[in-house]
Amino acid sequence: MLSLFHSLIYQPLYNTLIFLYNVVPGKDFGISIILITVLLRTILIPLYQKQIESQKKLQELQPKIKALQEKTKNDKEQQTKQLMELYKENKTNPFSGCLPLIVQLVFLIAIYQVLITISNSGLVVDSTQLYSFVASPAKINQLFLSLIDLTKPSILIAVLAAVAQYFQTKMLMGLQPVVEPAKDSDKPDIAQMMNKQMLYLGPFLTLFIGIKFPAGLSLYWLAGTLFMLAQQILLQKKSTR
C-alpha cells in the first residue's frame, strides 16, 4: 500500500512541483505550490460537483426524511431500514460527500511529505525521485515573493488560511440540509451542534497547524481553500439561473 502511495501519488506530486519550479519565472517556490494546488483542485472538480449534487438531493428529500423519522421514532431499526430504502429509491447516497474529503486528505498528506522532505534535505532536490524529463535544480529558493520563508512557520499565511477555512465551512454549512428538531422534543440537535463546532474547530486546527509547520503547507491549504470558495460561488450562481 505504501509503495502504491509513493509511486502513484507522492512521486508524481514531487515531480510536478519541481517541474513547475523549473518553469516558473523567478524560481518562486511559493508560486509553484499555488500552481500545483490549482492543478489538483481542477482535477478534483468532478468529485466536488458530485458532492454538491448529493447535498442538493438531500435538501430536496428533507421533508420526507423528517416525516419518516417522526413516524418511526420509536423503532430505530425500522427507521434506518426505511431511510436506506428512501435513499435507494431516490438514488442518493448520504455518505457520498465523504469521498472528496478523503481524496483531499490523501493529497494533503502527500504534499505535506513532499514539502517536509524538501525542507529537511536543506532545500536540495532528491534527484533519485525525479523522472528523466524533469531537471534537478541545484537548490530551491525557499522565499515566497522574496518575503516569506516557506520552510518556516508563517503566522500571516496561517491566519489567512484559517480565515478562508472559516468562510468555506460556513458556505458549505449553507448547502447542507437543515433538520429542525421535533416540537415535542427537548433534546438538542446533535447535527447542528457538531456543525457549529466544526465552523470554529476547523479554522482553529488550520491555524494551529499553520504556526507549527512550514509555511509551504499553509500556503497549499490557503490556495486550495480560496479555489474551493471561488468554485462554490460559481456553482451556486449556475444553480440559481
Protein backbone atom coordinates (compact mmCIF):
# COMPACT_ATOMS: atom_id res chain seq x y z
CA MET A 1 0.00 0.00 0.00
CA LEU A 2 2.82 2.40 0.90
CA SER A 3 4.64 1.61 -2.33
CA LEU A 4 1.48 2.39 -4.32
CA PHE A 5 1.05 5.65 -2.45
CA HIS A 6 4.66 6.55 -3.20
CA SER A 7 4.62 5.66 -6.90
CA LEU A 8 1.08 6.82 -7.75
CA ILE A 9 0.71 9.97 -5.62
CA TYR A 10 3.86 11.09 -3.82
CA GLN A 11 6.37 10.78 -6.68
CA PRO A 12 4.10 12.37 -9.34
CA LEU A 13 3.43 15.30 -7.00
CA TYR A 14 7.12 15.63 -6.21
CA ASN A 15 8.00 15.72 -9.90
CA THR A 16 5.16 18.09 -10.79
CA LEU A 17 6.21 20.53 -8.08
CA ILE A 18 9.85 20.51 -9.19
CA PHE A 19 8.83 20.80 -12.86
CA LEU A 20 6.68 23.85 -12.06
CA TYR A 21 9.52 25.35 -10.02
CA ASN A 22 11.84 24.95 -13.02
CA VAL A 23 9.48 26.75 -15.41
CA VAL A 24 8.11 29.48 -13.10
CA PRO A 25 9.83 32.82 -13.82
CA GLY A 26 11.93 33.94 -10.89
CA LYS A 27 12.13 30.43 -9.40
CA ASP A 28 9.47 31.15 -6.77
CA PHE A 29 8.70 28.01 -4.77
CA GLY A 30 5.51 29.59 -3.38
CA ILE A 31 4.10 30.21 -6.86
CA SER A 32 4.92 26.60 -7.72
CA ILE A 33 2.92 25.42 -4.68
CA ILE A 34 -0.04 27.60 -5.70
CA LEU A 35 0.07 26.26 -9.26
CA ILE A 36 0.16 22.62 -8.18
CA THR A 37 -2.73 23.34 -5.79
CA VAL A 38 -4.84 24.81 -8.60
CA LEU A 39 -3.95 21.81 -10.79
CA LEU A 40 -5.02 19.32 -8.12
CA ARG A 41 -8.25 21.17 -7.33
CA THR A 42 -9.11 21.32 -11.02
CA ILE A 43 -8.66 17.56 -11.31
CA LEU A 44 -10.96 17.09 -8.30
CA ILE A 45 -13.76 19.30 -9.67
CA PRO A 46 -15.91 16.32 -10.83
CA LEU A 47 -15.79 14.82 -7.33
CA TYR A 48 -16.74 18.14 -5.76
CA GLN A 49 -19.65 18.59 -8.17
CA LYS A 50 -20.98 15.16 -7.19
CA GLN A 51 -20.74 16.24 -3.55
CA ILE A 52 -22.81 19.37 -4.24
CA GLU A 53 -25.39 17.38 -6.22
CA SER A 54 -25.71 14.90 -3.36
CA GLN A 55 -26.25 17.72 -0.86
CA LYS A 56 -28.97 19.24 -3.04
CA LYS A 57 -30.75 15.88 -3.31
CA LEU A 58 -30.65 15.55 0.47
CA GLN A 59 -32.17 19.00 0.79
CA GLU A 60 -35.00 18.03 -1.55
CA LEU A 61 -35.61 14.82 0.41
CA GLN A 62 -35.58 16.57 3.77
CA PRO A 63 -39.40 16.81 4.21
CA LYS A 64 -39.74 13.06 3.51
CA ILE A 65 -36.80 12.24 5.79
CA LYS A 66 -38.27 14.31 8.61
CA ALA A 67 -41.70 12.68 8.22
CA LEU A 68 -40.17 9.20 8.17
CA GLN A 69 -38.09 9.91 11.27
CA GLU A 70 -41.16 11.15 13.13
CA LYS A 71 -43.19 8.12 12.04
CA THR A 72 -40.53 5.59 13.15
CA LYS A 73 -39.06 7.46 16.12
CA ASN A 74 -39.82 4.54 18.46
CA ASP A 75 -38.22 1.92 16.20
CA LYS A 76 -34.65 2.88 15.28
CA GLU A 77 -34.01 -0.32 13.36
CA GLN A 78 -37.07 0.20 11.16
CA GLN A 79 -36.15 3.87 10.78
CA THR A 80 -32.69 3.01 9.47
CA LYS A 81 -34.12 0.43 7.07
CA GLN A 82 -36.72 2.81 5.64
CA LEU A 83 -34.19 5.62 5.34
CA MET A 84 -31.89 3.37 3.33
CA GLU A 85 -34.82 2.41 1.09
CA LEU A 86 -35.70 6.09 0.62
CA TYR A 87 -32.10 6.92 -0.36
CA LYS A 88 -32.03 3.97 -2.76
CA GLU A 89 -35.33 4.92 -4.42
CA ASN A 90 -34.08 8.46 -4.98
CA LYS A 91 -30.57 7.34 -5.99
CA THR A 92 -28.98 9.32 -3.17
CA ASN A 93 -26.04 8.34 -1.01
CA PRO A 94 -25.79 10.33 2.27
CA PHE A 95 -22.12 9.38 2.56
CA SER A 96 -21.06 10.43 -0.96
CA GLY A 97 -19.78 13.75 0.39
CA CYS A 98 -17.06 11.90 2.30
CA LEU A 99 -15.17 10.82 -0.82
CA PRO A 100 -13.89 14.30 -1.81
CA LEU A 101 -12.74 14.84 1.78
CA ILE A 102 -10.85 11.54 1.82
CA VAL A 103 -9.19 12.25 -1.54
CA GLN A 104 -8.30 15.75 -0.35
CA LEU A 105 -6.75 14.31 2.82
CA VAL A 106 -4.67 11.82 0.83
CA PHE A 107 -3.24 14.60 -1.36
CA LEU A 108 -2.69 16.81 1.70
CA ILE A 109 -0.62 14.07 3.32
CA ALA A 110 1.36 13.62 0.10
CA ILE A 111 2.00 17.37 -0.29
CA TYR A 112 2.99 17.56 3.37
CA GLN A 113 5.51 14.76 2.89
CA VAL A 114 6.89 16.39 -0.25
CA LEU A 115 7.36 19.77 1.45
CA ILE A 116 8.81 18.27 4.64
CA THR A 117 11.20 16.09 2.65
CA ILE A 118 12.47 19.05 0.64
CA SER A 119 12.78 21.21 3.78
CA ASN A 120 14.64 18.55 5.77
CA SER A 121 17.08 17.98 2.92
CA GLY A 122 18.22 21.61 3.09
CA LEU A 123 16.17 22.52 0.01
CA VAL A 124 18.21 20.13 -2.11
CA VAL A 125 16.11 18.06 -4.50
CA ASP A 126 16.43 14.28 -4.37
CA SER A 127 17.33 13.51 -7.97
CA THR A 128 16.55 9.80 -7.45
CA GLN A 129 12.87 10.75 -7.16
CA LEU A 130 12.81 12.69 -10.41
CA TYR A 131 11.65 11.40 -13.76
CA SER A 132 14.12 11.53 -16.63
CA PHE A 133 12.42 14.56 -18.22
CA VAL A 134 12.44 16.66 -15.01
CA ALA A 135 15.62 18.65 -14.44
CA SER A 136 17.06 18.85 -10.95
CA PRO A 137 17.65 22.42 -9.71
CA ALA A 138 20.84 22.95 -7.76
CA LYS A 139 18.96 24.36 -4.77
CA ILE A 140 15.42 25.59 -4.23
CA ASN A 141 14.77 29.22 -3.37
CA GLN A 142 12.55 28.96 -0.29
CA LEU A 143 11.29 32.57 -0.35
CA PHE A 144 7.74 33.30 -1.48
CA LEU A 145 7.54 36.69 -3.22
CA SER A 146 11.04 37.29 -1.82
CA LEU A 147 9.46 37.82 1.62
CA ILE A 148 8.22 34.64 3.32
CA ASP A 149 10.43 31.66 4.11
CA LEU A 150 8.30 28.65 3.19
CA THR A 151 10.45 26.26 5.23
CA LYS A 152 9.45 28.02 8.47
CA PRO A 153 6.04 28.71 10.02
CA SER A 154 4.35 31.94 8.90
CA ILE A 155 1.72 33.47 11.18
CA LEU A 156 0.41 35.63 8.34
CA ILE A 157 -0.29 32.74 5.98
CA ALA A 158 -1.62 30.61 8.86
CA VAL A 159 -4.14 33.33 9.82
CA LEU A 160 -5.22 33.85 6.21
CA ALA A 161 -5.67 30.08 5.78
CA ALA A 162 -7.76 29.90 8.97
CA VAL A 163 -9.99 32.80 7.89
CA ALA A 164 -10.51 31.26 4.46
CA GLN A 165 -11.32 27.92 6.12
CA TYR A 166 -13.97 29.63 8.27
CA PHE A 167 -15.78 31.14 5.28
CA GLN A 168 -15.56 27.92 3.27
CA THR A 169 -17.01 25.90 6.15
CA LYS A 170 -19.77 28.47 6.64
CA MET A 171 -20.66 28.33 2.95
CA LEU A 172 -20.70 24.52 2.98
CA MET A 173 -23.00 24.57 6.01
CA GLY A 174 -25.42 26.69 4.00
CA LEU A 175 -25.59 23.91 1.39
CA GLN A 176 -26.39 21.19 3.91
CA PRO A 177 -29.94 20.18 4.74
CA VAL A 178 -31.31 21.75 7.93
CA VAL A 179 -33.11 19.38 10.24
CA GLU A 180 -35.47 21.04 12.69
CA PRO A 181 -35.99 19.17 15.97
CA ALA A 182 -39.43 17.84 16.74
CA LYS A 183 -41.67 20.31 18.53
CA ASP A 184 -42.21 17.96 21.47
CA SER A 185 -38.52 17.17 21.81
CA ASP A 186 -36.38 18.85 24.44
CA LYS A 187 -33.17 17.23 23.18
CA PRO A 188 -30.57 19.40 21.43
CA ASP A 189 -29.94 18.90 17.73
CA ILE A 190 -26.64 16.98 17.72
CA ALA A 191 -26.02 17.55 14.00
CA GLN A 192 -26.44 21.32 14.29
CA MET A 193 -24.22 21.38 17.37
CA MET A 194 -21.49 19.50 15.51
CA ASN A 195 -21.78 21.86 12.52
CA LYS A 196 -21.36 24.88 14.77
CA GLN A 197 -18.35 23.29 16.44
CA MET A 198 -16.75 22.49 13.07
CA LEU A 199 -17.29 26.10 11.97
CA TYR A 200 -14.73 27.13 14.58
CA LEU A 201 -12.79 23.92 15.16
CA GLY A 202 -11.68 23.64 11.52
CA PRO A 203 -10.17 27.14 11.34
CA PHE A 204 -8.59 26.67 14.78
CA LEU A 205 -6.87 23.46 13.67
CA THR A 206 -5.77 25.15 10.44
CA LEU A 207 -4.25 28.00 12.45
CA PHE A 208 -2.60 25.61 14.92
CA ILE A 209 -1.04 23.52 12.16
CA GLY A 210 -0.02 26.68 10.31
CA ILE A 211 2.01 28.06 13.20
CA LYS A 212 3.69 24.72 13.84
CA PHE A 213 4.63 23.52 10.36
CA PRO A 214 6.44 25.05 7.35
CA ALA A 215 4.57 27.89 5.65
CA GLY A 216 4.55 25.94 2.40
CA LEU A 217 1.89 23.64 3.84
CA SER A 218 -0.26 26.60 4.97
CA LEU A 219 0.16 28.19 1.54
CA TYR A 220 -1.08 25.00 -0.09
CA TRP A 221 -4.10 24.95 2.24
CA LEU A 222 -4.81 28.66 1.70
CA ALA A 223 -4.65 28.39 -2.09
CA GLY A 224 -6.84 25.27 -2.07
CA THR A 225 -9.44 26.85 0.22
CA LEU A 226 -9.65 30.01 -1.90
CA PHE A 227 -10.04 27.86 -5.00
CA MET A 228 -12.88 25.94 -3.33
CA LEU A 229 -14.58 29.16 -2.26
CA ALA A 230 -14.48 30.52 -5.80
CA GLN A 231 -15.75 27.19 -7.14
CA GLN A 232 -18.64 27.11 -4.65
CA ILE A 233 -19.67 30.66 -5.57
CA LEU A 234 -19.64 29.85 -9.30
CA LEU A 235 -21.63 26.64 -8.80
CA GLN A 236 -24.21 28.45 -6.69
CA LYS A 237 -24.60 31.15 -9.35
CA LYS A 238 -25.14 28.50 -12.03
CA SER A 239 -27.73 26.68 -9.91
CA THR A 240 -29.76 29.87 -9.36
CA ARG A 241 -30.01 30.72 -13.05
